[in-house]
Amino acid sequence: MRSATALGNPLAGPLCAVVGVLGFSFKAILIKLAYAWAPIDAVTLLALRMLYSAPVFALMAWWATRSGRARGANAWQSRGEE
């Protein structure tokens, strides 16, 4: 298996890290703004957060299965032997 650097994109890892940090931080800001904007309970906000993240998880599931082979539990153990 080739790494992202071997594939020609050395910024893929740092870019994913920055997007993850911004998304995680933005989530907290949205929750604080929602509490200040309207009287809303925590369960409703949790449901909105789940709906907000569902397309991202669907995209990750599609991306993981598009190669045609699923990774099993042993994939990480045999990774260094290639």
C-alpha atoms as a PDB file:
ATOM      1  CA  MET A   1       0.000   0.000   0.000  1.00  0.00           C
ATOM      2  CA  ARG A   2       1.319   3.439  -0.880  1.00  0.00           C
ATOM      3  CA  SER A   3       1.106   6.462   1.398  1.00  0.00           C
ATOM      4  CA  ALA A   4      -0.421   9.823   0.510  1.00  0.00           C
ATOM      5  CA  THR A   5       3.072  11.239  -0.012  1.00  0.00           C
ATOM      6  CA  ALA A   6       3.877   8.462  -2.480  1.00  0.00           C
ATOM      7  CA  LEU A   7       0.687   9.268  -4.348  1.00  0.00           C
ATOM      8  CA  GLY A   8       1.852  12.834  -4.925  1.00  0.00           C
ATOM      9  CA  ASN A   9      -0.057  14.810  -2.291  1.00  0.00           C
ATOM     10  CA  PRO A  10       2.115  15.542   0.745  1.00  0.00           C
ATOM     11  CA  LEU A  11      -0.450  17.995   2.142  1.00  0.00           C
ATOM     12  CA  ALA A  12      -3.293  15.469   2.421  1.00  0.00           C
ATOM     13  CA  GLY A  13      -2.570  14.597   6.057  1.00  0.00           C
ATOM     14  CA  PRO A  14      -2.115  18.140   7.373  1.00  0.00           C
ATOM     15  CA  LEU A  15      -5.132  19.310   5.386  1.00  0.00           C
ATOM     16  CA  CYS A  16      -7.326  16.596   6.928  1.00  0.00           C
ATOM     17  CA  ALA A  17      -6.025  17.531  10.385  1.00  0.00           C
ATOM     18  CA  VAL A  18      -6.842  21.221   9.877  1.00  0.00           C
ATOM     19  CA  VAL A  19     -10.325  20.449   8.536  1.00  0.00           C
ATOM     20  CA  GLY A  20     -10.964  18.153  11.508  1.00  0.00           C
ATOM     21  CA  VAL A  21      -9.840  20.754  14.033  1.00  0.00           C
ATOM     22  CA  LEU A  22     -11.932  23.466  12.408  1.00  0.00           C
ATOM     23  CA  GLY A  23     -14.983  21.206  12.263  1.00  0.00           C
ATOM     24  CA  PHE A  24     -14.613  20.184  15.889  1.00  0.00           C
ATOM     25  CA  SER A  25     -14.223  23.814  16.990  1.00  0.00           C
ATOM     26  CA  PHE A  26     -17.054  25.042  14.797  1.00  0.00           C
ATOM     27  CA  LYS A  27     -19.405  22.505  16.372  1.00  0.00           C
ATOM     28  CA  ALA A  28     -18.986  24.075  19.818  1.00  0.00           C
ATOM     29  CA  ILE A  29     -19.542  27.570  18.431  1.00  0.00           C
ATOM     30  CA  LEU A  30     -22.757  26.482  16.716  1.00  0.00           C
ATOM     31  CA  ILE A  31     -24.080  24.925  19.925  1.00  0.00           C
ATOM     32  CA  LYS A  32     -23.372  28.091  21.932  1.00  0.00           C
ATOM     33  CA  LEU A  33     -25.045  30.232  19.277  1.00  0.00           C
ATOM     34  CA  ALA A  34     -28.080  27.934  19.224  1.00  0.00           C
ATOM     35  CA  TYR A  35     -28.509  28.202  22.993  1.00  0.00           C
ATOM     36  CA  ALA A  36     -28.263  32.005  22.795  1.00  0.00           C
ATOM     37  CA  TRP A  37     -30.584  32.315  19.795  1.00  0.00           C
ATOM     38  CA  ALA A  38     -33.603  30.319  20.947  1.00  0.00           C
ATOM     39  CA  PRO A  39     -34.808  28.343  23.944  1.00  0.00           C
ATOM     40  CA  ILE A  40     -33.873  24.863  22.791  1.00  0.00           C
ATOM     41  CA  ASP A  41     -33.215  21.689  24.741  1.00  0.00           C
ATOM     42  CA  ALA A  42     -30.119  19.518  24.597  1.00  0.00           C
ATOM     43  CA  VAL A  43     -31.887  16.567  22.926  1.00  0.00           C
ATOM     44  CA  THR A  44     -32.951  18.701  19.964  1.00  0.00           C
ATOM     45  CA  LEU A  45     -29.439  20.058  19.574  1.00  0.00           C
ATOM     46  CA  LEU A  46     -28.038  16.541  19.734  1.00  0.00           C
ATOM     47  CA  ALA A  47     -30.444  15.429  17.006  1.00  0.00           C
ATOM     48  CA  LEU A  48     -29.427  18.397  14.856  1.00  0.00           C
ATOM     49  CA  ARG A  49     -25.750  17.532  15.361  1.00  0.00           C
ATOM     50  CA  MET A  50     -26.427  13.952  14.255  1.00  0.00           C
ATOM     51  CA  LEU A  51     -28.289  15.126  11.163  1.00  0.00           C
ATOM     52  CA  TYR A  52     -25.470  17.562  10.420  1.00  0.00           C
ATOM     53  CA  SER A  53     -22.836  14.809  10.590  1.00  0.00           C
ATOM     54  CA  ALA A  54     -24.798  12.069   8.777  1.00  0.00           C
ATOM     55  CA  PRO A  55     -23.740  13.152   5.247  1.00  0.00           C
ATOM     56  CA  VAL A  56     -20.093  13.167   6.331  1.00  0.00           C
ATOM     57  CA  PHE A  57     -20.344   9.625   7.680  1.00  0.00           C
ATOM     58  CA  ALA A  58     -22.195   8.491   4.542  1.00  0.00           C
ATOM     59  CA  LEU A  59     -19.406   9.967   2.413  1.00  0.00           C
ATOM     60  CA  MET A  60     -16.761   8.198   4.513  1.00  0.00           C
ATOM     61  CA  ALA A  61     -18.631   4.888   4.169  1.00  0.00           C
ATOM     62  CA  TRP A  62     -18.867   5.331   0.410  1.00  0.00           C
ATOM     63  CA  TRP A  63     -15.170   6.259   0.197  1.00  0.00           C
ATOM     64  CA  ALA A  64     -14.163   3.181   2.219  1.00  0.00           C
ATOM     65  CA  THR A  65     -16.156   0.778   0.052  1.00  0.00           C
ATOM     66  CA  ARG A  66     -15.459   2.252  -3.378  1.00  0.00           C
ATOM     67  CA  SER A  67     -12.278   0.217  -3.879  1.00  0.00           C
ATOM     68  CA  GLY A  68     -14.292  -2.989  -3.827  1.00  0.00           C
ATOM     69  CA  ARG A  69     -12.499  -4.609  -0.931  1.00  0.00           C
ATOM     70  CA  ALA A  70     -13.340  -4.041   2.700  1.00  0.00           C
ATOM     71  CA  ARG A  71     -10.688  -3.773   5.362  1.00  0.00           C
ATOM     72  CA  GLY A  72     -10.972  -6.390   8.064  1.00  0.00           C
ATOM     73  CA  ALA A  73      -9.537  -6.529  11.549  1.00  0.00           C
ATOM     74  CA  ASN A  74      -6.331  -8.144  10.266  1.00  0.00           C
ATOM     75  CA  ALA A  75      -5.635  -5.360   7.761  1.00  0.00           C
ATOM     76  CA  TRP A  76      -3.810  -3.253  10.315  1.00  0.00           C
ATOM     77  CA  GLN A  77      -1.711  -6.152  11.570  1.00  0.00           C
ATOM     78  CA  SER A  78      -0.417  -7.079   8.131  1.00  0.00           C
ATOM     79  CA  ARG A  79       0.083  -3.514   6.948  1.00  0.00           C
ATOM     80  CA  GLY A  80       3.840  -3.420   7.599  1.00  0.00           C
ATOM     81  CA  GLU A  81       4.459  -6.699   5.765  1.00  0.00           C
ATOM     82  CA  GLU A  82       3.675  -5.390   2.282  1.00  0.00           C
END
